[in-house]
């Protein structure tokens, strides 16, 4: 019975993390709600770390070829100067767009952990930033998905995503949701806003997972290895599914269904959590 419970918890929470981390629907809103509904205790630091590493694996799996191509174009000897310049420029813009989340996430980590369970704040942020996403989507351009290697991203667009990152730290906002919103408001087409959001989340997710892993090694206990393994695999698999689903969906369709989903989730969070 204990083994079944561990497998179930690892699978359900891993799936919630993998889907909600990449779809613009807020992982914190779901991770406060699901344990409440199922009467599960807080899963602890080790499980949080494993879920972050699972979502990092999903990002690397989906974008590995583009990441390798970007690195080769930027640093391999013999790269044509225009190609090399574009690649280095794009890497710099990704780093700048991720920097506020890295810095503020480090300094505000304790505050974030204490407020992440505040149901009222989560519900408020779900509604407010869903409404802003709706407005941004109404102005969005439609264009086919393109490789990041050939995409032109302006400094205004990169800085718009950078300035949105502090808002992503608020529980219920959704990191993917707010960075996609910023991308849309800066003039990116729907698919590009999603893809750039995912690329920016790679260093952020890697830093969060690495920092959590360090804390775990220094101060934590690693219990329930079966649940951890199931959570990691499920978060990675569902993360890959969510990334690919969103990139295919927004080539032709709008983000509005996610807006209404967030409104409904806010009500459930308020009355259940």
C-alpha atoms as a PDB file:
ATOM      1  CA  UNK A   1       0.000   0.000   0.000  1.00  0.00           C
ATOM      2  CA  UNK A   2       2.827   2.394   0.884  1.00  0.00           C
ATOM      3  CA  UNK A   3       4.528   1.690  -2.450  1.00  0.00           C
ATOM      4  CA  UNK A   4       1.300   2.389  -4.350  1.00  0.00           C
ATOM      5  CA  UNK A   5       0.826   5.675  -2.471  1.00  0.00           C
ATOM      6  CA  UNK A   6       4.358   6.806  -3.301  1.00  0.00           C
ATOM      7  CA  UNK A   7       3.935   5.940  -6.974  1.00  0.00           C
ATOM      8  CA  UNK A   8       0.575   7.738  -7.101  1.00  0.00           C
ATOM      9  CA  UNK A   9       1.908  10.889  -5.432  1.00  0.00           C
ATOM     10  CA  UNK A  10       5.009  10.951  -7.619  1.00  0.00           C
ATOM     11  CA  UNK A  11       2.949  10.490 -10.768  1.00  0.00           C
ATOM     12  CA  UNK A  12       0.207  13.017  -9.979  1.00  0.00           C
ATOM     13  CA  UNK A  13       2.461  15.789  -8.691  1.00  0.00           C
ATOM     14  CA  UNK A  14       5.050  15.170 -11.400  1.00  0.00           C
ATOM     15  CA  UNK A  15       2.334  15.473 -14.046  1.00  0.00           C
ATOM     16  CA  UNK A  16       0.985  18.654 -12.460  1.00  0.00           C
ATOM     17  CA  UNK A  17       4.463  20.191 -12.401  1.00  0.00           C
ATOM     18  CA  UNK A  18       5.334  19.188 -15.946  1.00  0.00           C
ATOM     19  CA  UNK A  19       2.105  20.525 -17.438  1.00  0.00           C
ATOM     20  CA  UNK A  20       1.625  23.638 -15.304  1.00  0.00           C
ATOM     21  CA  UNK A  21       5.254  24.768 -15.496  1.00  0.00           C
ATOM     22  CA  UNK A  22       5.149  25.231 -19.256  1.00  0.00           C
ATOM     23  CA  UNK A  23       1.515  25.963 -20.020  1.00  0.00           C
ATOM     24  CA  UNK A  24       0.583  29.523 -18.886  1.00  0.00           C
ATOM     25  CA  UNK A  25      -1.623  28.281 -16.028  1.00  0.00           C
ATOM     26  CA  UNK A  26       0.587  28.568 -12.882  1.00  0.00           C
ATOM     27  CA  UNK A  27       2.319  25.605 -11.276  1.00  0.00           C
ATOM     28  CA  UNK A  28       2.030  27.123  -7.774  1.00  0.00           C
ATOM     29  CA  UNK A  29      -1.754  27.333  -8.091  1.00  0.00           C
ATOM     30  CA  UNK A  30      -1.945  23.654  -8.908  1.00  0.00           C
ATOM     31  CA  UNK A  31       0.640  22.482  -6.403  1.00  0.00           C
ATOM     32  CA  UNK A  32      -1.271  24.104  -3.537  1.00  0.00           C
ATOM     33  CA  UNK A  33      -4.607  22.780  -4.753  1.00  0.00           C
ATOM     34  CA  UNK A  34      -3.899  19.140  -5.593  1.00  0.00           C
ATOM     35  CA  UNK A  35      -2.402  18.121  -2.204  1.00  0.00           C
ATOM     36  CA  UNK A  36      -5.305  19.872  -0.451  1.00  0.00           C
ATOM     37  CA  UNK A  37      -7.898  18.027  -2.509  1.00  0.00           C
ATOM     38  CA  UNK A  38      -6.156  14.681  -1.992  1.00  0.00           C
ATOM     39  CA  UNK A  39      -5.218  15.382   1.655  1.00  0.00           C
ATOM     40  CA  UNK A  40      -1.516  14.867   1.053  1.00  0.00           C
ATOM     41  CA  UNK A  41       1.163  16.408   3.243  1.00  0.00           C
ATOM     42  CA  UNK A  42       3.810  18.793   1.927  1.00  0.00           C
ATOM     43  CA  UNK A  43       6.236  16.743  -0.146  1.00  0.00           C
ATOM     44  CA  UNK A  44       9.389  18.425   1.141  1.00  0.00           C
ATOM     45  CA  UNK A  45      12.561  19.872  -0.353  1.00  0.00           C
ATOM     46  CA  UNK A  46      13.805  16.710  -2.062  1.00  0.00           C
ATOM     47  CA  UNK A  47      10.641  16.315  -4.091  1.00  0.00           C
ATOM     48  CA  UNK A  48      10.596  19.998  -5.098  1.00  0.00           C
ATOM     49  CA  UNK A  49      14.189  19.685  -6.314  1.00  0.00           C
ATOM     50  CA  UNK A  50      13.427  16.533  -8.297  1.00  0.00           C
ATOM     51  CA  UNK A  51      10.462  18.221 -10.002  1.00  0.00           C
ATOM     52  CA  UNK A  52      12.658  21.160 -11.037  1.00  0.00           C
ATOM     53  CA  UNK A  53      15.247  18.765 -12.449  1.00  0.00           C
ATOM     54  CA  UNK A  54      12.483  16.906 -14.303  1.00  0.00           C
ATOM     55  CA  UNK A  55      11.271  20.087 -15.976  1.00  0.00           C
ATOM     56  CA  UNK A  56      14.866  21.014 -16.831  1.00  0.00           C
ATOM     57  CA  UNK A  57      15.216  17.629 -18.528  1.00  0.00           C
ATOM     58  CA  UNK A  58      12.070  18.381 -20.558  1.00  0.00           C
ATOM     59  CA  UNK A  59      13.547  21.683 -21.775  1.00  0.00           C
ATOM     60  CA  UNK A  60      16.851  20.079 -22.737  1.00  0.00           C
ATOM     61  CA  UNK A  61      15.078  17.219 -24.502  1.00  0.00           C
ATOM     62  CA  UNK A  62      12.916  19.544 -26.609  1.00  0.00           C
ATOM     63  CA  UNK A  63      15.556  22.117 -27.495  1.00  0.00           C
ATOM     64  CA  UNK A  64      18.826  20.175 -27.412  1.00  0.00           C
ATOM     65  CA  UNK A  65      19.514  20.418 -31.150  1.00  0.00           C
ATOM     66  CA  UNK A  66      18.857  24.166 -31.165  1.00  0.00           C
ATOM     67  CA  UNK A  67      21.001  24.677 -28.061  1.00  0.00           C
ATOM     68  CA  UNK A  68      23.887  22.736 -29.613  1.00  0.00           C
ATOM     69  CA  UNK A  69      23.450  24.627 -32.889  1.00  0.00           C
ATOM     70  CA  UNK A  70      23.448  27.942 -31.023  1.00  0.00           C
ATOM     71  CA  UNK A  71      26.655  27.028 -29.183  1.00  0.00           C
ATOM     72  CA  UNK A  72      28.357  25.869 -32.386  1.00  0.00           C
ATOM     73  CA  UNK A  73      27.359  28.995 -34.270  1.00  0.00           C
ATOM     74  CA  UNK A  74      28.576  31.215 -31.439  1.00  0.00           C
ATOM     75  CA  UNK A  75      31.876  29.583 -30.522  1.00  0.00           C
ATOM     76  CA  UNK A  76      33.006  27.031 -33.125  1.00  0.00           C
ATOM     77  CA  UNK A  77      36.042  28.101 -35.171  1.00  0.00           C
ATOM     78  CA  UNK A  78      35.172  28.872 -38.742  1.00  0.00           C
ATOM     79  CA  UNK A  79      31.632  30.127 -38.132  1.00  0.00           C
ATOM     80  CA  UNK A  80      30.691  32.887 -40.541  1.00  0.00           C
ATOM     81  CA  UNK A  81      30.826  36.279 -38.841  1.00  0.00           C
ATOM     82  CA  UNK A  82      27.139  37.163 -39.388  1.00  0.00           C
ATOM     83  CA  UNK A  83      26.069  33.735 -38.072  1.00  0.00           C
ATOM     84  CA  UNK A  84      28.443  33.979 -35.124  1.00  0.00           C
ATOM     85  CA  UNK A  85      27.329  37.511 -34.322  1.00  0.00           C
ATOM     86  CA  UNK A  86      23.652  36.543 -34.392  1.00  0.00           C
ATOM     87  CA  UNK A  87      24.225  33.529 -32.127  1.00  0.00           C
ATOM     88  CA  UNK A  88      26.261  35.471 -29.569  1.00  0.00           C
ATOM     89  CA  UNK A  89      23.748  38.298 -29.610  1.00  0.00           C
ATOM     90  CA  UNK A  90      20.910  35.844 -28.956  1.00  0.00           C
ATOM     91  CA  UNK A  91      22.771  34.117 -26.108  1.00  0.00           C
ATOM     92  CA  UNK A  92      23.382  37.501 -24.495  1.00  0.00           C
ATOM     93  CA  UNK A  93      19.709  38.447 -24.820  1.00  0.00           C
ATOM     94  CA  UNK A  94      18.597  35.137 -23.260  1.00  0.00           C
ATOM     95  CA  UNK A  95      21.022  35.716 -20.370  1.00  0.00           C
ATOM     96  CA  UNK A  96      19.834  39.284 -19.810  1.00  0.00           C
ATOM     97  CA  UNK A  97      16.182  38.218 -19.940  1.00  0.00           C
ATOM     98  CA  UNK A  98      16.851  35.512 -17.333  1.00  0.00           C
ATOM     99  CA  UNK A  99      19.042  37.615 -15.006  1.00  0.00           C
ATOM    100  CA  UNK A 100      16.310  39.331 -12.915  1.00  0.00           C
ATOM    101  CA  UNK A 101      14.721  35.965 -12.078  1.00  0.00           C
ATOM    102  CA  UNK A 102      18.095  34.519 -11.080  1.00  0.00           C
ATOM    103  CA  UNK A 103      19.047  37.443  -8.836  1.00  0.00           C
ATOM    104  CA  UNK A 104      15.658  38.047  -7.201  1.00  0.00           C
ATOM    105  CA  UNK A 105      14.979  34.329  -6.877  1.00  0.00           C
ATOM    106  CA  UNK A 106      18.165  33.961  -4.843  1.00  0.00           C
ATOM    107  CA  UNK A 107      17.590  36.923  -2.526  1.00  0.00           C
ATOM    108  CA  UNK A 108      13.839  36.404  -2.079  1.00  0.00           C
ATOM    109  CA  UNK A 109      13.907  32.618  -1.763  1.00  0.00           C
ATOM    110  CA  UNK A 110      12.825  32.532   1.906  1.00  0.00           C
ATOM    111  CA  UNK A 111       9.993  35.014   1.315  1.00  0.00           C
ATOM    112  CA  UNK A 112       8.791  33.043  -1.679  1.00  0.00           C
ATOM    113  CA  UNK A 113       8.688  29.814   0.300  1.00  0.00           C
ATOM    114  CA  UNK A 114       6.613  31.477   3.026  1.00  0.00           C
ATOM    115  CA  UNK A 115       4.091  33.076   0.640  1.00  0.00           C
ATOM    116  CA  UNK A 116       3.771  30.291  -1.915  1.00  0.00           C
ATOM    117  CA  UNK A 117       0.950  28.703   0.094  1.00  0.00           C
ATOM    118  CA  UNK A 118      -1.156  31.872   0.336  1.00  0.00           C
ATOM    119  CA  UNK A 119      -4.365  30.887  -1.459  1.00  0.00           C
ATOM    120  CA  UNK A 120      -5.776  34.428  -1.659  1.00  0.00           C
ATOM    121  CA  UNK A 121      -2.622  35.823  -3.244  1.00  0.00           C
ATOM    122  CA  UNK A 122      -2.440  32.933  -5.694  1.00  0.00           C
ATOM    123  CA  UNK A 123      -6.071  33.409  -6.753  1.00  0.00           C
ATOM    124  CA  UNK A 124      -5.581  37.174  -7.148  1.00  0.00           C
ATOM    125  CA  UNK A 125      -2.492  36.730  -9.323  1.00  0.00           C
ATOM    126  CA  UNK A 126      -4.182  34.030 -11.394  1.00  0.00           C
ATOM    127  CA  UNK A 127      -6.974  36.421 -12.334  1.00  0.00           C
ATOM    128  CA  UNK A 128      -4.986  39.634 -12.787  1.00  0.00           C
ATOM    129  CA  UNK A 129      -2.232  38.226 -14.978  1.00  0.00           C
ATOM    130  CA  UNK A 130      -4.645  36.059 -16.954  1.00  0.00           C
ATOM    131  CA  UNK A 131      -6.497  39.253 -17.852  1.00  0.00           C
ATOM    132  CA  UNK A 132      -3.266  40.922 -18.970  1.00  0.00           C
ATOM    133  CA  UNK A 133      -2.465  37.836 -21.062  1.00  0.00           C
ATOM    134  CA  UNK A 134      -5.904  38.125 -22.675  1.00  0.00           C
ATOM    135  CA  UNK A 135      -5.204  41.745 -23.607  1.00  0.00           C
ATOM    136  CA  UNK A 136      -1.731  40.901 -24.944  1.00  0.00           C
ATOM    137  CA  UNK A 137      -3.104  37.998 -26.957  1.00  0.00           C
ATOM    138  CA  UNK A 138      -5.729  40.232 -28.575  1.00  0.00           C
ATOM    139  CA  UNK A 139      -2.881  42.259 -30.118  1.00  0.00           C
ATOM    140  CA  UNK A 140      -0.707  39.278 -31.053  1.00  0.00           C
ATOM    141  CA  UNK A 141       0.622  38.434 -34.474  1.00  0.00           C
ATOM    142  CA  UNK A 142       0.364  34.973 -36.008  1.00  0.00           C
ATOM    143  CA  UNK A 143       3.466  33.473 -37.627  1.00  0.00           C
ATOM    144  CA  UNK A 144       4.830  29.947 -38.140  1.00  0.00           C
ATOM    145  CA  UNK A 145       7.152  28.511 -35.509  1.00  0.00           C
ATOM    146  CA  UNK A 146      10.786  29.139 -36.474  1.00  0.00           C
ATOM    147  CA  UNK A 147      14.127  27.869 -35.245  1.00  0.00           C
ATOM    148  CA  UNK A 148      15.694  30.059 -32.583  1.00  0.00           C
ATOM    149  CA  UNK A 149      18.878  29.938 -34.703  1.00  0.00           C
ATOM    150  CA  UNK A 150      17.338  32.079 -37.438  1.00  0.00           C
ATOM    151  CA  UNK A 151      15.000  34.242 -35.359  1.00  0.00           C
ATOM    152  CA  UNK A 152      15.618  37.939 -34.865  1.00  0.00           C
ATOM    153  CA  UNK A 153      14.795  39.185 -31.369  1.00  0.00           C
ATOM    154  CA  UNK A 154      15.255  42.874 -30.595  1.00  0.00           C
ATOM    155  CA  UNK A 155      16.691  44.285 -27.402  1.00  0.00           C
ATOM    156  CA  UNK A 156      13.319  45.862 -26.655  1.00  0.00           C
ATOM    157  CA  UNK A 157      11.706  42.439 -26.745  1.00  0.00           C
ATOM    158  CA  UNK A 158      14.411  40.813 -24.627  1.00  0.00           C
ATOM    159  CA  UNK A 159      14.236  43.602 -22.029  1.00  0.00           C
ATOM    160  CA  UNK A 160      10.435  43.359 -21.907  1.00  0.00           C
ATOM    161  CA  UNK A 161      10.780  39.715 -20.893  1.00  0.00           C
ATOM    162  CA  UNK A 162      13.545  40.628 -18.421  1.00  0.00           C
ATOM    163  CA  UNK A 163      11.404  43.280 -16.713  1.00  0.00           C
ATOM    164  CA  UNK A 164       8.515  40.804 -16.410  1.00  0.00           C
ATOM    165  CA  UNK A 165      10.624  38.298 -14.485  1.00  0.00           C
ATOM    166  CA  UNK A 166      10.127  39.833 -11.003  1.00  0.00           C
ATOM    167  CA  UNK A 167       6.363  39.397 -11.468  1.00  0.00           C
ATOM    168  CA  UNK A 168       6.946  35.706 -12.181  1.00  0.00           C
ATOM    169  CA  UNK A 169       8.107  35.293  -8.587  1.00  0.00           C
ATOM    170  CA  UNK A 170       4.607  36.062  -7.309  1.00  0.00           C
ATOM    171  CA  UNK A 171       2.742  32.792  -6.618  1.00  0.00           C
ATOM    172  CA  UNK A 172      -0.080  32.266  -9.100  1.00  0.00           C
ATOM    173  CA  UNK A 173       1.422  34.490 -11.797  1.00  0.00           C
ATOM    174  CA  UNK A 174       2.978  31.680 -13.888  1.00  0.00           C
ATOM    175  CA  UNK A 175       6.522  32.178 -15.136  1.00  0.00           C
ATOM    176  CA  UNK A 176       5.660  31.010 -18.637  1.00  0.00           C
ATOM    177  CA  UNK A 177       2.461  33.070 -18.574  1.00  0.00           C
ATOM    178  CA  UNK A 178       4.054  36.378 -17.635  1.00  0.00           C
ATOM    179  CA  UNK A 179       7.076  36.020 -19.926  1.00  0.00           C
ATOM    180  CA  UNK A 180       4.843  35.017 -22.840  1.00  0.00           C
ATOM    181  CA  UNK A 181       2.639  38.031 -22.061  1.00  0.00           C
ATOM    182  CA  UNK A 182       5.675  40.327 -22.098  1.00  0.00           C
ATOM    183  CA  UNK A 183       6.793  38.829 -25.384  1.00  0.00           C
ATOM    184  CA  UNK A 184       3.383  39.381 -26.965  1.00  0.00           C
ATOM    185  CA  UNK A 185       3.199  42.974 -25.727  1.00  0.00           C
ATOM    186  CA  UNK A 186       6.637  43.654 -27.215  1.00  0.00           C
ATOM    187  CA  UNK A 187       5.460  42.517 -30.643  1.00  0.00           C
ATOM    188  CA  UNK A 188       6.516  38.881 -30.787  1.00  0.00           C
ATOM    189  CA  UNK A 189       4.215  36.455 -32.624  1.00  0.00           C
ATOM    190  CA  UNK A 190       2.483  33.891 -30.403  1.00  0.00           C
ATOM    191  CA  UNK A 191       4.814  30.975 -31.175  1.00  0.00           C
ATOM    192  CA  UNK A 192       7.995  33.039 -30.805  1.00  0.00           C
ATOM    193  CA  UNK A 193       6.826  34.439 -27.458  1.00  0.00           C
ATOM    194  CA  UNK A 194       6.379  30.881 -26.180  1.00  0.00           C
ATOM    195  CA  UNK A 195       9.698  29.619 -27.548  1.00  0.00           C
ATOM    196  CA  UNK A 196      11.713  32.559 -26.214  1.00  0.00           C
ATOM    197  CA  UNK A 197       9.998  32.100 -22.839  1.00  0.00           C
ATOM    198  CA  UNK A 198      11.134  28.466 -22.808  1.00  0.00           C
ATOM    199  CA  UNK A 199      14.721  29.337 -23.726  1.00  0.00           C
ATOM    200  CA  UNK A 200      14.873  31.975 -20.996  1.00  0.00           C
ATOM    201  CA  UNK A 201      13.516  29.448 -18.489  1.00  0.00           C
ATOM    202  CA  UNK A 202      16.441  27.054 -19.105  1.00  0.00           C
ATOM    203  CA  UNK A 203      19.032  28.979 -17.013  1.00  0.00           C
ATOM    204  CA  UNK A 204      16.355  29.894 -14.449  1.00  0.00           C
ATOM    205  CA  UNK A 205      15.216  26.289 -14.007  1.00  0.00           C
ATOM    206  CA  UNK A 206      18.807  25.026 -13.962  1.00  0.00           C
ATOM    207  CA  UNK A 207      19.726  27.544 -11.253  1.00  0.00           C
ATOM    208  CA  UNK A 208      16.660  26.711  -9.129  1.00  0.00           C
ATOM    209  CA  UNK A 209      17.301  22.982  -9.436  1.00  0.00           C
ATOM    210  CA  UNK A 210      21.019  23.356  -8.751  1.00  0.00           C
ATOM    211  CA  UNK A 211      20.475  25.589  -5.719  1.00  0.00           C
ATOM    212  CA  UNK A 212      17.854  23.236  -4.321  1.00  0.00           C
ATOM    213  CA  UNK A 213      20.146  20.263  -4.895  1.00  0.00           C
ATOM    214  CA  UNK A 214      22.956  22.012  -3.030  1.00  0.00           C
ATOM    215  CA  UNK A 215      20.635  22.756  -0.069  1.00  0.00           C
ATOM    216  CA  UNK A 216      19.510  19.150  -0.125  1.00  0.00           C
ATOM    217  CA  UNK A 217      23.065  17.817  -0.051  1.00  0.00           C
ATOM    218  CA  UNK A 218      24.062  20.155   2.774  1.00  0.00           C
ATOM    219  CA  UNK A 219      20.966  20.100   4.981  1.00  0.00           C
ATOM    220  CA  UNK A 220      18.291  17.773   3.640  1.00  0.00           C
ATOM    221  CA  UNK A 221      17.349  14.123   3.747  1.00  0.00           C
ATOM    222  CA  UNK A 222      16.638  12.050   0.667  1.00  0.00           C
ATOM    223  CA  UNK A 223      13.769   9.736   1.525  1.00  0.00           C
ATOM    224  CA  UNK A 224      11.220   7.858  -0.587  1.00  0.00           C
ATOM    225  CA  UNK A 225      13.454   7.232  -3.630  1.00  0.00           C
ATOM    226  CA  UNK A 226      10.632   5.516  -5.525  1.00  0.00           C
ATOM    227  CA  UNK A 227       8.403   8.600  -5.300  1.00  0.00           C
ATOM    228  CA  UNK A 228      11.316  10.806  -6.346  1.00  0.00           C
ATOM    229  CA  UNK A 229      12.077   8.638  -9.380  1.00  0.00           C
ATOM    230  CA  UNK A 230       8.431   8.541 -10.484  1.00  0.00           C
ATOM    231  CA  UNK A 231       8.085  12.304  -9.976  1.00  0.00           C
ATOM    232  CA  UNK A 232      11.213  13.039 -12.020  1.00  0.00           C
ATOM    233  CA  UNK A 233      10.244  10.838 -14.959  1.00  0.00           C
ATOM    234  CA  UNK A 234       6.629  12.057 -14.969  1.00  0.00           C
ATOM    235  CA  UNK A 235       7.595  15.747 -14.743  1.00  0.00           C
ATOM    236  CA  UNK A 236      10.059  15.307 -17.611  1.00  0.00           C
ATOM    237  CA  UNK A 237       7.616  13.381 -19.828  1.00  0.00           C
ATOM    238  CA  UNK A 238       4.636  15.661 -19.252  1.00  0.00           C
ATOM    239  CA  UNK A 239       6.898  18.700 -19.615  1.00  0.00           C
ATOM    240  CA  UNK A 240       7.947  17.543 -23.082  1.00  0.00           C
ATOM    241  CA  UNK A 241       4.285  17.010 -23.935  1.00  0.00           C
ATOM    242  CA  UNK A 242       3.297  20.489 -22.670  1.00  0.00           C
ATOM    243  CA  UNK A 243       6.111  22.275 -24.536  1.00  0.00           C
ATOM    244  CA  UNK A 244       5.337  20.577 -27.835  1.00  0.00           C
ATOM    245  CA  UNK A 245       1.592  20.999 -27.383  1.00  0.00           C
ATOM    246  CA  UNK A 246       1.850  24.733 -26.745  1.00  0.00           C
ATOM    247  CA  UNK A 247       4.231  25.399 -29.622  1.00  0.00           C
ATOM    248  CA  UNK A 248       1.953  23.560 -32.050  1.00  0.00           C
ATOM    249  CA  UNK A 249      -1.235  25.086 -30.667  1.00  0.00           C
ATOM    250  CA  UNK A 250      -0.279  28.769 -30.699  1.00  0.00           C
ATOM    251  CA  UNK A 251       0.868  28.739 -34.318  1.00  0.00           C
ATOM    252  CA  UNK A 252      -2.826  28.976 -35.255  1.00  0.00           C
ATOM    253  CA  UNK A 253      -4.818  29.549 -32.061  1.00  0.00           C
ATOM    254  CA  UNK A 254      -4.943  32.055 -29.202  1.00  0.00           C
ATOM    255  CA  UNK A 255      -4.088  31.875 -25.521  1.00  0.00           C
ATOM    256  CA  UNK A 256      -7.695  32.695 -24.517  1.00  0.00           C
ATOM    257  CA  UNK A 257      -8.607  29.135 -23.360  1.00  0.00           C
ATOM    258  CA  UNK A 258      -5.766  29.342 -20.842  1.00  0.00           C
ATOM    259  CA  UNK A 259      -7.180  32.650 -19.587  1.00  0.00           C
ATOM    260  CA  UNK A 260     -10.575  31.112 -18.794  1.00  0.00           C
ATOM    261  CA  UNK A 261      -8.918  28.075 -17.247  1.00  0.00           C
ATOM    262  CA  UNK A 262      -7.023  30.385 -14.870  1.00  0.00           C
ATOM    263  CA  UNK A 263     -10.235  32.194 -13.904  1.00  0.00           C
ATOM    264  CA  UNK A 264     -11.829  28.848 -13.008  1.00  0.00           C
ATOM    265  CA  UNK A 265      -8.704  27.717 -11.150  1.00  0.00           C
ATOM    266  CA  UNK A 266      -8.707  30.923  -9.073  1.00  0.00           C
ATOM    267  CA  UNK A 267     -12.226  30.187  -7.857  1.00  0.00           C
ATOM    268  CA  UNK A 268     -11.336  26.623  -6.958  1.00  0.00           C
ATOM    269  CA  UNK A 269      -8.190  27.736  -5.114  1.00  0.00           C
ATOM    270  CA  UNK A 270     -10.170  30.299  -3.088  1.00  0.00           C
ATOM    271  CA  UNK A 271     -12.907  27.901  -2.011  1.00  0.00           C
ATOM    272  CA  UNK A 272     -10.887  24.717  -1.602  1.00  0.00           C
ATOM    273  CA  UNK A 273      -7.370  25.736  -0.575  1.00  0.00           C
END
